[in-house]
Amino acid sequence: MAFDGSGLASGMYLVNMQAGGVVQVQKLVLLK
């Protein structure tokens, strides 16, 4: 999985990932 956060501000984001029938939410902290 690749992630490009260049257009986002620093902060905490919730990432919603789906694969097959599985859905998972993860916290992502972006520091610049």
PDB file of N, CA and C in Angstrom:
ATOM      1  N   MET A   1       0.843  -1.169   0.000  1.00  0.00           N
ATOM      2  CA  MET A   1       0.000   0.000   0.000  1.00  0.00           C
ATOM      3  C   MET A   1       0.891   1.236   0.000  1.00  0.00           C
ATOM      4  N   ALA A   2       0.635   2.145  -0.890  1.00  0.00           N
ATOM      5  CA  ALA A   2       1.376   3.406  -0.955  1.00  0.00           C
ATOM      6  C   ALA A   2       0.485   4.540  -0.463  1.00  0.00           C
ATOM      7  N   PHE A   3       1.098   5.499   0.221  1.00  0.00           N
ATOM      8  CA  PHE A   3       0.351   6.640   0.751  1.00  0.00           C
ATOM      9  C   PHE A   3       1.124   7.918   0.447  1.00  0.00           C
ATOM     10  N   ASP A   4       0.470   8.888  -0.165  1.00  0.00           N
ATOM     11  CA  ASP A   4       1.077  10.183  -0.459  1.00  0.00           C
ATOM     12  C   ASP A   4       0.304  11.252   0.302  1.00  0.00           C
ATOM     13  N   GLY A   5       0.879  11.733   1.396  1.00  0.00           N
ATOM     14  CA  GLY A   5       0.209  12.729   2.212  1.00  0.00           C
ATOM     15  C   GLY A   5       0.697  14.139   1.945  1.00  0.00           C
ATOM     16  N   SER A   6       1.288  14.377   0.774  1.00  0.00           N
ATOM     17  CA  SER A   6       1.857  15.696   0.485  1.00  0.00           C
ATOM     18  C   SER A   6       0.797  16.797   0.433  1.00  0.00           C
ATOM     19  N   GLY A   7      -0.447  16.452   0.133  1.00  0.00           N
ATOM     20  CA  GLY A   7      -1.504  17.453   0.064  1.00  0.00           C
ATOM     21  C   GLY A   7      -2.285  17.599   1.354  1.00  0.00           C
ATOM     22  N   LEU A   8      -1.850  16.914   2.410  1.00  0.00           N
ATOM     23  CA  LEU A   8      -2.567  16.945   3.684  1.00  0.00           C
ATOM     24  C   LEU A   8      -1.764  17.690   4.735  1.00  0.00           C
ATOM     25  N   ALA A   9      -2.454  18.291   5.688  1.00  0.00           N
ATOM     26  CA  ALA A   9      -1.798  18.966   6.804  1.00  0.00           C
ATOM     27  C   ALA A   9      -1.402  17.941   7.863  1.00  0.00           C
ATOM     28  N   SER A  10      -0.455  18.312   8.720  1.00  0.00           N
ATOM     29  CA  SER A  10      -0.089  17.448   9.842  1.00  0.00           C
ATOM     30  C   SER A  10      -1.301  17.242  10.738  1.00  0.00           C
ATOM     31  N   GLY A  11      -1.416  16.048  11.291  1.00  0.00           N
ATOM     32  CA  GLY A  11      -2.526  15.759  12.187  1.00  0.00           C
ATOM     33  C   GLY A  11      -2.825  14.281  12.238  1.00  0.00           C
ATOM     34  N   MET A  12      -3.932  13.938  12.877  1.00  0.00           N
ATOM     35  CA  MET A  12      -4.338  12.543  12.993  1.00  0.00           C
ATOM     36  C   MET A  12      -5.499  12.287  12.042  1.00  0.00           C
ATOM     37  N   TYR A  13      -5.406  11.206  11.304  1.00  0.00           N
ATOM     38  CA  TYR A  13      -6.420  10.830  10.329  1.00  0.00           C
ATOM     39  C   TYR A  13      -6.874   9.408  10.604  1.00  0.00           C
ATOM     40  N   LEU A  14      -8.102   9.086  10.242  1.00  0.00           N
ATOM     41  CA  LEU A  14      -8.605   7.719  10.293  1.00  0.00           C
ATOM     42  C   LEU A  14      -8.585   7.166   8.878  1.00  0.00           C
ATOM     43  N   VAL A  15      -7.951   6.010   8.716  1.00  0.00           N
ATOM     44  CA  VAL A  15      -7.809   5.382   7.404  1.00  0.00           C
ATOM     45  C   VAL A  15      -8.726   4.172   7.358  1.00  0.00           C
ATOM     46  N   ASN A  16      -9.613   4.145   6.373  1.00  0.00           N
ATOM     47  CA  ASN A  16     -10.558   3.044   6.198  1.00  0.00           C
ATOM     48  C   ASN A  16     -10.017   2.120   5.109  1.00  0.00           C
ATOM     49  N   MET A  17      -9.666   0.879   5.483  1.00  0.00           N
ATOM     50  CA  MET A  17      -9.107  -0.077   4.525  1.00  0.00           C
ATOM     51  C   MET A  17     -10.083  -1.226   4.324  1.00  0.00           C
ATOM     52  N   GLN A  18     -10.291  -1.609   3.063  1.00  0.00           N
ATOM     53  CA  GLN A  18     -11.190  -2.708   2.735  1.00  0.00           C
ATOM     54  C   GLN A  18     -10.466  -3.691   1.835  1.00  0.00           C
ATOM     55  N   ALA A  19     -10.583  -4.988   2.162  1.00  0.00           N
ATOM     56  CA  ALA A  19     -10.000  -6.040   1.321  1.00  0.00           C
ATOM     57  C   ALA A  19     -10.918  -7.249   1.418  1.00  0.00           C
ATOM     58  N   GLY A  20     -11.507  -7.616   0.308  1.00  0.00           N
ATOM     59  CA  GLY A  20     -12.460  -8.725   0.342  1.00  0.00           C
ATOM     60  C   GLY A  20     -13.645  -8.342   1.209  1.00  0.00           C
ATOM     61  N   GLY A  21     -13.955  -9.168   2.203  1.00  0.00           N
ATOM     62  CA  GLY A  21     -15.056  -8.872   3.106  1.00  0.00           C
ATOM     63  C   GLY A  21     -14.603  -8.253   4.410  1.00  0.00           C
ATOM     64  N   VAL A  22     -13.331  -7.863   4.489  1.00  0.00           N
ATOM     65  CA  VAL A  22     -12.775  -7.334   5.737  1.00  0.00           C
ATOM     66  C   VAL A  22     -12.650  -5.820   5.637  1.00  0.00           C
ATOM     67  N   VAL A  23     -13.162  -5.127   6.654  1.00  0.00           N
ATOM     68  CA  VAL A  23     -13.041  -3.671   6.734  1.00  0.00           C
ATOM     69  C   VAL A  23     -12.300  -3.355   8.023  1.00  0.00           C
ATOM     70  N   GLN A  24     -11.269  -2.512   7.925  1.00  0.00           N
ATOM     71  CA  GLN A  24     -10.467  -2.173   9.097  1.00  0.00           C
ATOM     72  C   GLN A  24     -10.211  -0.675   9.109  1.00  0.00           C
ATOM     73  N   VAL A  25     -10.317  -0.060  10.284  1.00  0.00           N
ATOM     74  CA  VAL A  25     -10.041   1.369  10.446  1.00  0.00           C
ATOM     75  C   VAL A  25      -8.797   1.504  11.310  1.00  0.00           C
ATOM     76  N   GLN A  26      -7.826   2.273  10.825  1.00  0.00           N
ATOM     77  CA  GLN A  26      -6.577   2.493  11.548  1.00  0.00           C
ATOM     78  C   GLN A  26      -6.356   3.988  11.737  1.00  0.00           C
ATOM     79  N   LYS A  27      -5.680   4.346  12.834  1.00  0.00           N
ATOM     80  CA  LYS A  27      -5.286   5.736  13.055  1.00  0.00           C
ATOM     81  C   LYS A  27      -3.957   5.972  12.349  1.00  0.00           C
ATOM     82  N   LEU A  28      -3.829   7.133  11.722  1.00  0.00           N
ATOM     83  CA  LEU A  28      -2.598   7.504  11.048  1.00  0.00           C
ATOM     84  C   LEU A  28      -2.209   8.894  11.527  1.00  0.00           C
ATOM     85  N   VAL A  29      -0.984   9.042  12.025  1.00  0.00           N
ATOM     86  CA  VAL A  29      -0.490  10.344  12.462  1.00  0.00           C
ATOM     87  C   VAL A  29       0.497  10.832  11.419  1.00  0.00           C
ATOM     88  N   LEU A  30       0.222  12.000  10.851  1.00  0.00           N
ATOM     89  CA  LEU A  30       1.062  12.576   9.811  1.00  0.00           C
ATOM     90  C   LEU A  30       1.795  13.785  10.383  1.00  0.00           C
ATOM     91  N   LEU A  31       3.119  13.709  10.411  1.00  0.00           N
ATOM     92  CA  LEU A  31       3.953  14.806  10.902  1.00  0.00           C
ATOM     93  C   LEU A  31       4.776  15.349   9.751  1.00  0.00           C
ATOM     94  N   LYS A  32       4.788  16.664   9.628  1.00  0.00           N
ATOM     95  CA  LYS A  32       5.591  17.291   8.561  1.00  0.00           C
ATOM     96  C   LYS A  32       6.625  18.191   9.164  1.00  0.00           C
TER      97      LYS A  32
END
